[in-house]
Protein backbone atom coordinates (compact mmCIF):
# COMPACT_ATOMS: atom_id res chain seq x y z
CA UNK A 1 0.00 0.00 0.00
CA UNK A 2 2.99 2.28 0.58
CA UNK A 3 4.10 1.80 -3.03
CA UNK A 4 0.61 2.39 -4.45
CA UNK A 5 0.20 5.54 -2.34
CA UNK A 6 3.58 6.89 -3.48
CA UNK A 7 2.59 6.28 -7.12
CA UNK A 8 -0.78 8.02 -6.67
CA UNK A 9 0.79 11.04 -4.97
CA UNK A 10 3.28 11.26 -7.83
CA UNK A 11 0.76 11.21 -10.69
CA UNK A 12 -2.15 13.18 -9.19
CA UNK A 13 -2.31 16.98 -8.91
CA UNK A 14 -0.80 18.64 -5.85
CA UNK A 15 -3.26 18.79 -2.98
CA UNK A 16 -5.06 15.50 -3.69
CA UNK A 17 -4.97 13.50 -0.46
CA UNK A 18 -4.36 9.74 -0.67
CA UNK A 19 -5.37 7.60 2.30
CA UNK A 20 -5.94 3.95 3.07
CA UNK A 21 -9.61 3.24 3.61
CA UNK A 22 -11.23 0.90 6.12
CA UNK A 23 -9.65 2.74 9.04
CA UNK A 24 -11.70 3.01 12.22
CA UNK A 25 -12.61 6.43 13.61
CA UNK A 26 -10.84 8.34 10.86
CA UNK A 27 -12.89 11.07 9.18
CA UNK A 28 -13.10 11.51 5.44
CA UNK A 29 -10.36 13.85 4.14
CA UNK A 30 -11.42 17.49 4.06
CA UNK A 31 -9.78 18.35 0.74
CA UNK A 32 -11.97 18.82 -2.33
CA UNK A 33 -10.34 15.89 -4.15
CA UNK A 34 -9.03 12.76 -2.50
CA UNK A 35 -8.32 9.08 -3.15
CA UNK A 36 -8.83 6.08 -0.92
CA UNK A 37 -7.16 2.68 -1.32
CA UNK A 38 -8.30 -0.66 0.07
CA UNK A 39 -6.63 -4.04 -0.35
CA UNK A 40 -9.17 -6.48 -1.81
CA UNK A 41 -7.35 -9.75 -2.48
CA UNK A 42 -4.13 -11.71 -2.30
CA UNK A 43 -3.52 -14.65 -4.60
CA UNK A 44 -0.61 -16.93 -5.15
CA UNK A 45 1.01 -16.47 -8.59
CA UNK A 46 3.83 -18.99 -8.20
CA UNK A 47 5.05 -21.86 -6.09
CA UNK A 48 7.17 -20.90 -3.11
CA UNK A 49 10.93 -20.60 -3.49
CA UNK A 50 13.81 -20.69 -1.03
CA UNK A 51 16.98 -18.67 -0.72
CA UNK A 52 19.54 -19.24 2.00
CA UNK A 53 22.62 -17.48 3.28
CA UNK A 54 25.00 -19.81 5.08
CA UNK A 55 27.04 -16.99 6.56
CA UNK A 56 24.02 -15.17 7.98
CA UNK A 57 22.21 -18.34 9.09
CA UNK A 58 18.88 -17.35 7.55
CA UNK A 59 16.45 -18.94 5.14
CA UNK A 60 14.06 -16.85 3.03
CA UNK A 61 10.89 -18.45 1.71
CA UNK A 62 8.89 -16.39 -0.73
CA UNK A 63 6.35 -16.51 -3.53
CA UNK A 64 5.03 -14.19 -6.18
CA UNK A 65 1.73 -12.77 -4.96
CA UNK A 66 -1.02 -10.87 -6.77
CA UNK A 67 -2.42 -8.07 -4.61
CA UNK A 68 -5.73 -6.51 -5.58
CA UNK A 69 -6.39 -2.90 -4.65
CA UNK A 70 -9.60 -0.91 -4.97
CA UNK A 71 -8.86 2.74 -5.69
CA UNK A 72 -11.73 5.18 -5.10
CA UNK A 73 -11.29 8.65 -6.59
CA UNK A 74 -13.48 11.47 -5.17
CA UNK A 75 -14.15 15.10 -6.04
CA UNK A 76 -14.97 17.36 -8.95
CA UNK A 77 -11.90 16.12 -10.86
CA UNK A 78 -12.57 12.44 -10.09
CA UNK A 79 -13.18 11.51 -13.74
CA UNK A 80 -9.92 13.07 -14.94
CA UNK A 81 -7.92 11.74 -11.98
CA UNK A 82 -9.24 8.20 -12.54
CA UNK A 83 -8.20 8.44 -16.19
CA UNK A 84 -4.68 9.51 -15.21
CA UNK A 85 -4.34 6.62 -12.74
CA UNK A 86 -5.61 3.95 -15.17
CA UNK A 87 -3.48 5.27 -18.04
CA UNK A 88 -0.21 5.46 -16.12
CA UNK A 89 -0.67 2.11 -14.36
CA UNK A 90 -0.90 0.55 -17.83
CA UNK A 91 2.19 2.34 -19.03
CA UNK A 92 5.91 1.79 -18.59
CA UNK A 93 5.82 4.84 -16.30
CA UNK A 94 3.94 2.85 -13.65
CA UNK A 95 6.31 -0.11 -14.01
CA UNK A 96 9.41 2.04 -13.63
CA UNK A 97 8.00 4.04 -10.72
CA UNK A 98 7.01 0.93 -8.72
CA UNK A 99 10.14 -1.13 -9.49
CA UNK A 100 12.17 0.20 -6.50
CA UNK A 101 9.34 -1.01 -4.22
CA UNK A 102 9.60 -4.53 -5.74
CA UNK A 103 6.01 -4.10 -6.99
CA UNK A 104 4.69 -4.22 -10.55
CA UNK A 105 1.24 -3.35 -11.91
CA UNK A 106 -0.38 -6.32 -13.66
CA UNK A 107 -3.58 -4.61 -14.79
CA UNK A 108 -6.05 -1.85 -14.00
CA UNK A 109 -9.63 -1.59 -15.24
CA UNK A 110 -11.12 1.57 -16.75
CA UNK A 111 -13.12 2.27 -13.63
CA UNK A 112 -16.79 2.75 -12.90
CA UNK A 113 -18.66 5.87 -11.91
CA UNK A 114 -20.06 5.11 -8.46
CA UNK A 115 -21.75 8.21 -6.98
CA UNK A 116 -21.76 8.56 -3.24
CA UNK A 117 -24.58 10.07 -1.21
CA UNK A 118 -23.06 11.98 1.70
CA UNK A 119 -24.49 12.73 5.16
CA UNK A 120 -26.31 15.79 3.79
CA UNK A 121 -28.03 13.59 1.16
CA UNK A 122 -26.00 15.20 -1.63
CA UNK A 123 -24.33 13.31 -4.48
CA UNK A 124 -20.55 13.36 -4.63
CA UNK A 125 -18.45 12.24 -7.58
CA UNK A 126 -16.64 8.95 -7.12
CA UNK A 127 -14.86 6.71 -9.60
CA UNK A 128 -13.82 3.22 -8.54
CA UNK A 129 -10.84 1.46 -10.14
CA UNK A 130 -9.69 -2.09 -9.53
CA UNK A 131 -5.98 -2.75 -9.95
CA UNK A 132 -3.83 -5.84 -9.53
CA UNK A 133 -0.17 -5.66 -8.55
CA UNK A 134 2.54 -8.28 -8.24
CA UNK A 135 4.80 -8.31 -5.21
CA UNK A 136 7.32 -10.92 -4.13
CA UNK A 137 7.15 -11.00 -0.34
CA UNK A 138 9.17 -13.49 1.66
CA UNK A 139 9.40 -14.79 5.19
CA UNK A 140 12.84 -14.90 6.76
CA UNK A 141 13.57 -17.54 9.36
CA UNK A 142 16.70 -18.60 11.22
CA UNK A 143 18.29 -21.70 9.73
CA UNK A 144 21.30 -23.83 10.48
CA UNK A 145 23.70 -24.37 7.61
CA UNK A 146 26.84 -26.46 7.87
CA UNK A 147 29.99 -24.37 7.60
CA UNK A 148 32.13 -27.43 6.89
CA UNK A 149 31.27 -30.97 5.88
CA UNK A 150 33.65 -33.89 6.44
CA UNK A 151 33.03 -36.74 4.03
CA UNK A 152 34.44 -40.18 4.72
CA UNK A 153 34.09 -43.25 2.54
CA UNK A 154 33.42 -46.62 4.12
CA UNK A 155 34.11 -49.85 2.30
CA UNK A 156 30.94 -51.89 2.06
CA UNK A 157 31.03 -55.66 2.59
CA UNK A 158 30.21 -57.79 -0.44
């Protein structure tokens, strides 16, 4: 979510707030235009793999994972901002920007216009995008590796 937020802040106009949704007791941003992000799914894209470091005594087990994110774009410029997000996530720009985070965009839909009725019973503009990213998280555990192995042959009886 850190990588997605950094990307959104980079491509959207200055002043657009970007927050993670589904937070308890956190009010809606007060700015005229804002974006919320919510993780929606995690799916395995590959079998697990192992990497070890004998000198450090650790074992890393990882797998390629697809991470779905719902991106809701609010405000008077929601239509244009949603277009910018979808376009640049499908472009090499998105791939290059997210590469240092070890995240890559797999796809992003065109979005749907999903109006929101606020507490004052007024419609607010909202566009909802669904995007899928690939990340390669791993779990690091302590592991014992032999530093030296002594091999001895023993003659077998016939």
